[in-house]
Protein backbone atom coordinates (compact mmCIF):
# COMPACT_ATOMS: atom_id res chain seq x y z
CA MET A 1 0.00 0.00 0.00
CA ARG A 2 2.85 2.41 0.79
CA TRP A 3 4.21 1.85 -2.71
CA LEU A 4 0.86 2.72 -4.22
CA VAL A 5 0.66 5.95 -2.21
CA LEU A 6 4.28 6.83 -3.09
CA TYR A 7 3.75 6.06 -6.78
CA THR A 8 0.53 8.12 -6.88
CA ALA A 9 2.24 11.06 -5.16
CA LEU A 10 5.15 10.90 -7.62
CA LEU A 11 2.78 10.70 -10.57
CA PHE A 12 0.81 13.77 -9.49
CA GLY A 13 4.00 15.63 -8.57
CA ALA A 14 5.48 14.89 -12.01
CA ASN A 15 2.34 16.12 -13.75
CA ALA A 16 2.37 19.32 -11.70
CA ALA A 17 5.94 19.93 -12.87
CA PHE A 18 4.62 20.13 -16.43
CA ALA A 19 1.96 22.74 -15.59
CA GLY A 20 2.44 25.87 -17.64
CA GLU A 21 4.30 24.13 -20.46
CA ILE A 22 3.03 24.54 -24.00
CA ASP A 23 2.25 21.49 -26.08
CA TRP A 24 3.58 22.82 -29.40
CA GLN A 25 2.82 19.59 -31.25
CA ALA A 26 -0.82 19.67 -30.17
CA ALA A 27 -1.07 23.27 -31.41
CA SER A 28 0.32 22.23 -34.78
CA ASP A 29 -1.84 19.12 -34.98
CA GLY A 30 -4.90 21.19 -34.01
CA GLY A 31 -4.59 23.58 -36.95
CA LEU A 32 -1.89 26.10 -36.03
CA THR A 33 0.49 24.38 -38.46
CA LYS A 34 2.37 27.59 -39.32
CA LEU A 35 3.12 28.36 -35.66
CA THR A 36 6.86 28.14 -35.08
CA ARG A 37 8.37 27.96 -31.62
CA THR A 38 11.28 30.39 -31.24
CA GLU A 39 14.10 30.64 -28.77
CA PRO A 40 12.97 33.14 -26.13
CA VAL A 41 14.28 36.53 -27.16
CA ALA A 42 13.40 39.89 -25.63
CA VAL A 43 11.07 41.98 -27.76
CA PRO A 44 12.25 45.49 -28.65
CA GLU A 45 11.08 48.50 -26.65
CA THR A 46 10.39 50.47 -29.83
CA THR A 47 7.40 52.73 -29.44
CA PHE A 48 4.20 52.78 -31.46
CA THR A 49 1.16 55.02 -31.21
CA ASP A 50 -2.61 55.20 -31.10
CA PRO A 51 -4.89 57.59 -33.02
CA GLU A 52 -5.10 59.95 -30.05
CA GLY A 53 -1.30 60.45 -30.10
CA GLY A 54 -0.55 58.17 -27.16
CA THR A 55 2.78 56.36 -27.16
CA HIS A 56 3.11 52.69 -26.24
CA SER A 57 5.75 49.97 -26.16
CA LEU A 58 5.50 46.24 -25.59
CA ALA A 59 6.97 46.84 -22.13
CA ASP A 60 3.52 48.25 -21.23
CA TRP A 61 2.23 44.65 -21.22
CA LYS A 62 5.10 43.06 -19.28
CA GLY A 63 3.63 40.60 -16.79
CA LYS A 64 0.94 39.52 -19.28
CA VAL A 65 1.08 36.99 -22.07
CA VAL A 66 0.60 38.91 -25.33
CA LEU A 67 -0.49 37.79 -28.75
CA LEU A 68 0.99 40.55 -30.91
CA ASN A 69 -0.46 40.85 -34.39
CA PHE A 70 0.90 42.99 -37.22
CA TRP A 71 -1.74 43.77 -39.82
CA ALA A 72 -2.72 46.30 -42.49
CA THR A 73 -5.96 47.62 -43.95
CA TRP A 74 -4.95 46.49 -47.46
CA CYS A 75 -4.14 42.91 -46.37
CA ALA A 76 -6.78 40.34 -47.42
CA PRO A 77 -5.60 37.61 -44.99
CA CYS A 78 -5.72 40.23 -42.21
CA ARG A 79 -9.37 40.90 -43.03
CA GLU A 80 -10.09 37.17 -42.61
CA GLU A 81 -8.03 36.81 -39.42
CA MET A 82 -9.04 39.95 -37.51
CA PRO A 83 -12.49 38.73 -36.36
CA SER A 84 -10.88 35.70 -34.71
CA LEU A 85 -8.36 37.92 -32.89
CA ASP A 86 -11.23 40.12 -31.73
CA ALA A 87 -13.15 37.06 -30.49
CA LEU A 88 -10.05 35.74 -28.67
CA GLN A 89 -9.59 39.09 -26.93
CA ALA A 90 -13.28 39.20 -25.97
CA GLU A 91 -13.15 35.72 -24.47
CA MET A 92 -9.70 35.53 -22.92
CA GLY A 93 -8.36 39.09 -22.64
CA GLY A 94 -7.87 40.38 -19.13
CA GLU A 95 -5.40 40.41 -16.29
CA ASP A 96 -3.19 37.59 -17.68
CA PHE A 97 -3.54 37.93 -21.44
CA GLU A 98 -4.10 40.49 -24.17
CA VAL A 99 -4.22 40.61 -27.95
CA VAL A 100 -2.25 43.61 -29.18
CA ALA A 101 -3.02 44.30 -32.83
CA ILE A 102 -0.83 46.88 -34.57
CA ALA A 103 -1.57 48.34 -38.00
CA ALA A 104 1.91 48.55 -39.53
CA GLY A 105 2.84 50.79 -42.43
CA HIS A 106 0.64 53.33 -44.18
CA ASN A 107 -2.73 52.86 -42.50
CA PRO A 108 -4.35 56.25 -41.89
CA PRO A 109 -6.55 56.23 -38.77
CA PRO A 110 -9.77 56.82 -40.78
CA ALA A 111 -8.95 53.77 -42.97
CA VAL A 112 -8.19 51.71 -39.86
CA ARG A 113 -11.48 52.73 -38.26
CA LYS A 114 -13.38 51.91 -41.48
CA PHE A 115 -11.69 48.48 -41.65
CA LEU A 116 -12.52 47.69 -38.03
CA ASP A 117 -16.11 48.91 -38.42
CA GLU A 118 -16.64 46.82 -41.57
CA GLU A 119 -15.38 43.71 -39.78
CA ASN A 120 -17.27 44.57 -36.56
CA ILE A 121 -14.04 44.58 -34.51
CA THR A 122 -14.95 46.02 -31.10
CA ASN A 123 -12.47 44.52 -28.61
CA LEU A 124 -9.12 45.58 -30.10
CA PRO A 125 -7.88 49.11 -29.49
CA VAL A 126 -6.26 50.81 -32.48
CA ARG A 127 -2.46 50.72 -32.36
CA LEU A 128 -0.29 52.14 -35.15
CA ASP A 129 3.27 51.59 -36.37
CA PRO A 130 3.17 53.95 -39.39
CA ARG A 131 6.90 53.84 -40.15
CA GLN A 132 7.07 50.11 -39.40
CA GLN A 133 9.84 50.68 -36.88
CA LEU A 134 8.66 47.96 -34.50
CA ALA A 135 7.67 45.67 -37.36
CA ARG A 136 11.13 45.99 -38.94
CA GLN A 137 12.91 45.45 -35.63
CA MET A 138 10.89 42.27 -35.19
CA GLY A 139 11.69 41.02 -38.69
CA VAL A 140 8.17 41.38 -40.08
CA MET A 141 8.42 41.23 -43.88
CA GLY A 142 4.73 40.77 -44.81
CA MET A 143 1.39 40.60 -43.10
CA PRO A 144 -0.20 39.23 -41.11
CA VAL A 145 2.42 38.11 -38.61
CA THR A 146 1.47 37.08 -35.09
CA VAL A 147 3.98 36.76 -32.24
CA LEU A 148 3.38 35.05 -28.90
CA ILE A 149 5.14 36.91 -26.09
CA ASP A 150 5.57 35.49 -22.58
CA ARG A 151 5.09 37.36 -19.32
CA ASP A 152 8.77 38.31 -19.23
CA GLY A 153 8.55 40.12 -22.57
CA ASN A 154 10.18 37.38 -24.66
CA GLU A 155 9.01 36.20 -28.05
CA ILE A 156 8.40 32.46 -27.78
CA ALA A 157 6.54 31.69 -31.01
CA ARG A 158 5.64 33.23 -34.36
CA LEU A 159 3.06 32.56 -37.03
CA ILE A 160 3.46 34.03 -40.50
CA GLY A 161 0.15 34.29 -42.33
CA GLY A 162 -3.39 34.06 -41.09
CA ALA A 163 -4.85 31.72 -38.49
CA ASP A 164 -8.11 31.10 -36.68
CA TRP A 165 -7.26 32.55 -33.28
CA SER A 166 -10.73 31.85 -31.93
CA SER A 167 -10.33 28.09 -32.44
CA ASP A 168 -10.27 25.68 -29.50
CA THR A 169 -6.63 24.92 -30.36
CA ALA A 170 -5.63 28.59 -30.18
CA LYS A 171 -7.49 29.06 -26.89
CA GLU A 172 -5.76 26.02 -25.41
CA LEU A 173 -2.39 27.40 -26.55
CA ILE A 174 -3.15 30.66 -24.74
CA ARG A 175 -4.37 28.82 -21.62
CA GLN A 176 -1.09 26.88 -21.55
CA ALA A 177 0.94 30.05 -22.08
CA ILE A 178 -0.73 31.86 -19.18
CA ALA A 179 -0.64 28.89 -16.77
CA PRO A 180 1.71 29.50 -13.82
């Protein structure tokens, strides 16, 4: 009986040690096939703006897991992807997680607002990187590009192209990323 108790305690202890780890293979198998795990690297502190003239940097979200999305009003895959990012933010955004969507390049605020209104995007504040300074520093060559950032401000994964971020697979990925 002691062996059974010891074995059970070791089994539960071992499983607890894996809490907070991301199952990258399950994410790929579940539909996020273009998601690539990266070596943790600190994201730049380059600033970007909002339409009201406010200045932001990714350091503003340190302590939260961030799904950073670079998009543009002229980008067809962005138009497809944006509703799923909005839905993910609506469902999971909060104290531990946030979707940060940044319109990179020439995207005048009226065009951004029109795009968001047409797609009924209501949960993502407008963020702008008009000179693509942050996008360039992060190696963004086309759009959309989505970067998963851990609580310490490190990029840990990247997806080039569009994805369904409101899928069960994406939500499970985020749950795993925010787990302690």
